[in-house]
């Protein structure tokens, strides 16, 4: 779906009522000290809001202007400060400041070339949480779905803190998913 389609979904109210953060983000954030976080393809901000409520300095980025408006409205109602940005993540000009974040969340969005940018944006010992839909049994694979083991391949040189493939653990999603939690480990200089 293109950005105009997502704007329409958020404008119509078809998307945006999901307030509960993803199960994986809750699990990971509960084990980390708050720091800086960026939620890429944040949608209406359920993960960004959750992190900000727990003391994280959060940046929420999405291509949909309407989704970002929802994040701004929801954060204002809750008295939270979240930096927001409308950006086309697929643009070759999209960049993330290097070594800027302790946590990067990419939930239910698969853009393979985004992983290299996300990895560079993490500070040493920073963590990436990524969730992508996978093909259902008997369904033909397409580029919007992760292949079995594919997320692990993007982080093969990182410390894997968690990995899961199977039915989504989030009530808002009914498709199978792949989840990965990976930490950036920097080798000591000898």
Protein backbone atom coordinates (compact mmCIF):
# COMPACT_ATOMS: atom_id res chain seq x y z
CA UNK A 1 0.00 0.00 0.00
CA UNK A 2 1.27 3.50 -0.76
CA UNK A 3 1.37 6.50 1.60
CA UNK A 4 -1.95 7.87 0.29
CA UNK A 5 -3.60 4.56 1.17
CA UNK A 6 -2.16 4.64 4.70
CA UNK A 7 -3.26 8.26 5.16
CA UNK A 8 -6.79 7.23 4.18
CA UNK A 9 -6.79 4.27 6.59
CA UNK A 10 -5.74 6.53 9.48
CA UNK A 11 -8.13 9.31 8.41
CA UNK A 12 -11.07 6.88 8.23
CA UNK A 13 -10.33 5.50 11.68
CA UNK A 14 -9.72 2.03 10.24
CA UNK A 15 -6.24 2.17 11.78
CA UNK A 16 -5.13 4.02 14.85
CA UNK A 17 -7.23 2.57 17.64
CA UNK A 18 -4.55 0.09 18.65
CA UNK A 19 -3.33 1.44 21.97
CA UNK A 20 -1.58 -1.62 23.36
CA UNK A 21 2.12 -1.77 22.53
CA UNK A 22 3.46 -4.88 20.87
CA UNK A 23 4.23 -7.74 23.23
CA UNK A 24 7.86 -7.86 22.12
CA UNK A 25 8.46 -4.14 22.77
CA UNK A 26 7.04 -4.53 26.29
CA UNK A 27 9.24 -7.56 26.95
CA UNK A 28 12.41 -5.87 25.71
CA UNK A 29 11.83 -2.41 27.21
CA UNK A 30 11.16 -3.92 30.63
CA UNK A 31 14.74 -5.20 30.66
CA UNK A 32 16.42 -1.98 29.50
CA UNK A 33 17.17 1.30 31.23
CA UNK A 34 15.37 4.13 29.41
CA UNK A 35 17.47 6.00 26.88
CA UNK A 36 16.86 7.24 23.36
CA UNK A 37 14.52 5.33 21.06
CA UNK A 38 13.24 5.65 17.53
CA UNK A 39 10.08 3.96 16.29
CA UNK A 40 10.31 3.57 12.50
CA UNK A 41 7.03 3.12 10.63
CA UNK A 42 5.40 4.02 13.93
CA UNK A 43 1.83 4.18 12.69
CA UNK A 44 -0.43 5.76 15.32
CA UNK A 45 2.36 5.44 17.87
CA UNK A 46 1.39 2.64 20.22
CA UNK A 47 5.03 1.64 20.81
CA UNK A 48 6.33 5.22 20.87
CA UNK A 49 3.71 6.19 23.47
CA UNK A 50 4.49 3.16 25.61
CA UNK A 51 8.22 3.93 25.59
CA UNK A 52 7.71 7.64 26.32
CA UNK A 53 5.48 6.75 29.29
CA UNK A 54 8.40 4.75 30.66
CA UNK A 55 10.91 7.57 30.44
CA UNK A 56 12.42 7.00 27.00
CA UNK A 57 13.28 10.00 24.80
CA UNK A 58 11.35 8.90 21.72
CA UNK A 59 11.36 9.86 18.06
CA UNK A 60 8.43 8.53 16.01
CA UNK A 61 8.75 8.39 12.22
CA UNK A 62 6.16 7.41 9.63
CA UNK A 63 5.40 8.21 6.00
CA UNK A 64 1.75 8.96 6.79
CA UNK A 65 1.04 12.54 7.84
CA UNK A 66 -2.22 11.41 9.43
CA UNK A 67 -0.42 8.74 11.50
CA UNK A 68 2.02 11.36 12.80
CA UNK A 69 -0.92 13.67 13.63
CA UNK A 70 -2.40 10.83 15.71
CA UNK A 71 0.92 10.36 17.55
CA UNK A 72 1.05 14.10 18.27
CA UNK A 73 -2.57 14.17 19.51
CA UNK A 74 -2.16 11.10 21.69
CA UNK A 75 1.12 12.26 23.20
CA UNK A 76 -0.34 15.70 23.97
CA UNK A 77 -3.38 14.16 25.72
CA UNK A 78 -1.04 12.05 27.85
CA UNK A 79 1.35 14.90 28.57
CA UNK A 80 4.22 13.17 26.78
CA UNK A 81 6.93 14.69 24.65
CA UNK A 82 7.63 12.67 21.51
CA UNK A 83 9.64 14.00 18.61
CA UNK A 84 7.77 13.24 15.39
CA UNK A 85 8.78 13.21 11.77
CA UNK A 86 6.94 12.51 8.54
CA UNK A 87 9.43 10.80 6.25
CA UNK A 88 9.37 8.45 3.30
CA UNK A 89 11.41 5.56 4.69
CA UNK A 90 11.78 4.15 1.17
CA UNK A 91 13.50 7.27 -0.15
CA UNK A 92 17.22 6.89 -0.81
CA UNK A 93 17.55 10.27 0.93
CA UNK A 94 16.05 9.00 4.19
CA UNK A 95 18.80 8.91 6.81
CA UNK A 96 19.07 8.28 10.52
CA UNK A 97 21.78 9.94 12.57
CA UNK A 98 24.57 7.41 13.26
CA UNK A 99 25.16 6.21 16.84
CA UNK A 100 22.12 8.16 18.07
CA UNK A 101 19.78 5.59 19.64
CA UNK A 102 19.75 2.98 22.38
CA UNK A 103 16.64 1.26 20.99
CA UNK A 104 15.20 1.02 17.50
CA UNK A 105 11.74 -0.42 16.91
CA UNK A 106 10.56 -1.57 13.48
CA UNK A 107 7.24 -3.30 14.13
CA UNK A 108 5.15 -4.88 11.42
CA UNK A 109 7.07 -3.21 8.62
CA UNK A 110 9.53 -4.89 6.30
CA UNK A 111 11.88 -2.79 4.23
CA UNK A 112 15.08 -4.73 3.81
CA UNK A 113 17.38 -1.79 3.08
CA UNK A 114 16.19 -0.06 6.27
CA UNK A 115 18.05 -2.55 8.47
CA UNK A 116 21.50 -1.25 7.48
CA UNK A 117 20.43 2.31 8.33
CA UNK A 118 18.95 1.17 11.64
CA UNK A 119 22.07 -0.78 12.57
CA UNK A 120 24.27 2.26 11.94
CA UNK A 121 21.95 4.45 14.04
CA UNK A 122 22.37 2.34 17.17
CA UNK A 123 24.88 3.16 19.86
CA UNK A 124 27.16 0.39 21.10
CA UNK A 125 25.08 -2.06 23.17
CA UNK A 126 21.94 -0.65 21.55
CA UNK A 127 19.07 -2.97 20.68
CA UNK A 128 16.93 -3.43 17.58
CA UNK A 129 13.44 -4.90 17.90
CA UNK A 130 12.04 -5.95 14.52
CA UNK A 131 8.77 -7.68 13.68
CA UNK A 132 7.70 -8.58 10.14
CA UNK A 133 4.86 -10.61 8.75
CA UNK A 134 5.72 -13.92 7.13
CA UNK A 135 3.80 -15.90 4.55
CA UNK A 136 0.99 -18.08 5.80
CA UNK A 137 1.04 -21.79 5.09
CA UNK A 138 0.35 -22.33 1.40
CA UNK A 139 0.61 -18.62 0.62
CA UNK A 140 3.00 -17.57 -2.12
CA UNK A 141 5.93 -15.51 -0.83
CA UNK A 142 6.09 -11.81 -1.72
CA UNK A 143 8.51 -8.99 -0.91
CA UNK A 144 6.31 -7.68 1.92
CA UNK A 145 6.76 -10.94 3.86
CA UNK A 146 9.92 -12.19 5.53
CA UNK A 147 11.24 -15.60 4.54
CA UNK A 148 11.95 -18.10 7.33
CA UNK A 149 15.16 -17.06 9.10
CA UNK A 150 15.50 -13.88 7.04
CA UNK A 151 15.50 -11.39 9.92
CA UNK A 152 18.32 -13.33 11.58
CA UNK A 153 20.41 -12.90 8.41
CA UNK A 154 20.31 -9.11 8.77
CA UNK A 155 21.85 -9.43 12.24
CA UNK A 156 24.17 -12.41 11.81
CA UNK A 157 27.11 -10.41 13.17
CA UNK A 158 25.16 -9.16 16.21
CA UNK A 159 24.26 -10.69 19.55
CA UNK A 160 20.80 -12.25 19.20
CA UNK A 161 18.78 -11.69 22.36
CA UNK A 162 15.60 -13.21 21.02
CA UNK A 163 14.08 -14.77 17.95
CA UNK A 164 10.62 -16.09 17.21
CA UNK A 165 8.66 -17.23 14.18
CA UNK A 166 5.02 -18.23 14.38
CA UNK A 167 1.59 -16.77 15.02
CA UNK A 168 1.59 -13.12 16.07
CA UNK A 169 1.44 -12.60 19.81
CA UNK A 170 -0.31 -9.24 19.31
CA UNK A 171 -4.09 -9.18 19.22
CA UNK A 172 -4.09 -6.51 16.49
CA UNK A 173 -2.30 -8.84 14.05
CA UNK A 174 -3.61 -12.18 12.87
CA UNK A 175 -0.86 -13.28 10.50
CA UNK A 176 2.30 -15.24 11.26
CA UNK A 177 5.35 -13.16 12.07
CA UNK A 178 9.09 -13.22 12.49
CA UNK A 179 10.51 -11.37 15.49
CA UNK A 180 14.13 -10.54 16.25
CA UNK A 181 15.86 -8.76 19.09
CA UNK A 182 19.52 -8.01 18.43
CA UNK A 183 22.19 -6.07 20.30
CA UNK A 184 25.00 -4.11 18.69
CA UNK A 185 28.20 -5.38 20.22
CA UNK A 186 31.31 -3.42 19.46
CA UNK A 187 34.57 -5.30 19.64
CA UNK A 188 37.12 -3.70 21.94
CA UNK A 189 40.00 -1.97 20.23
CA UNK A 190 43.25 -3.84 20.80
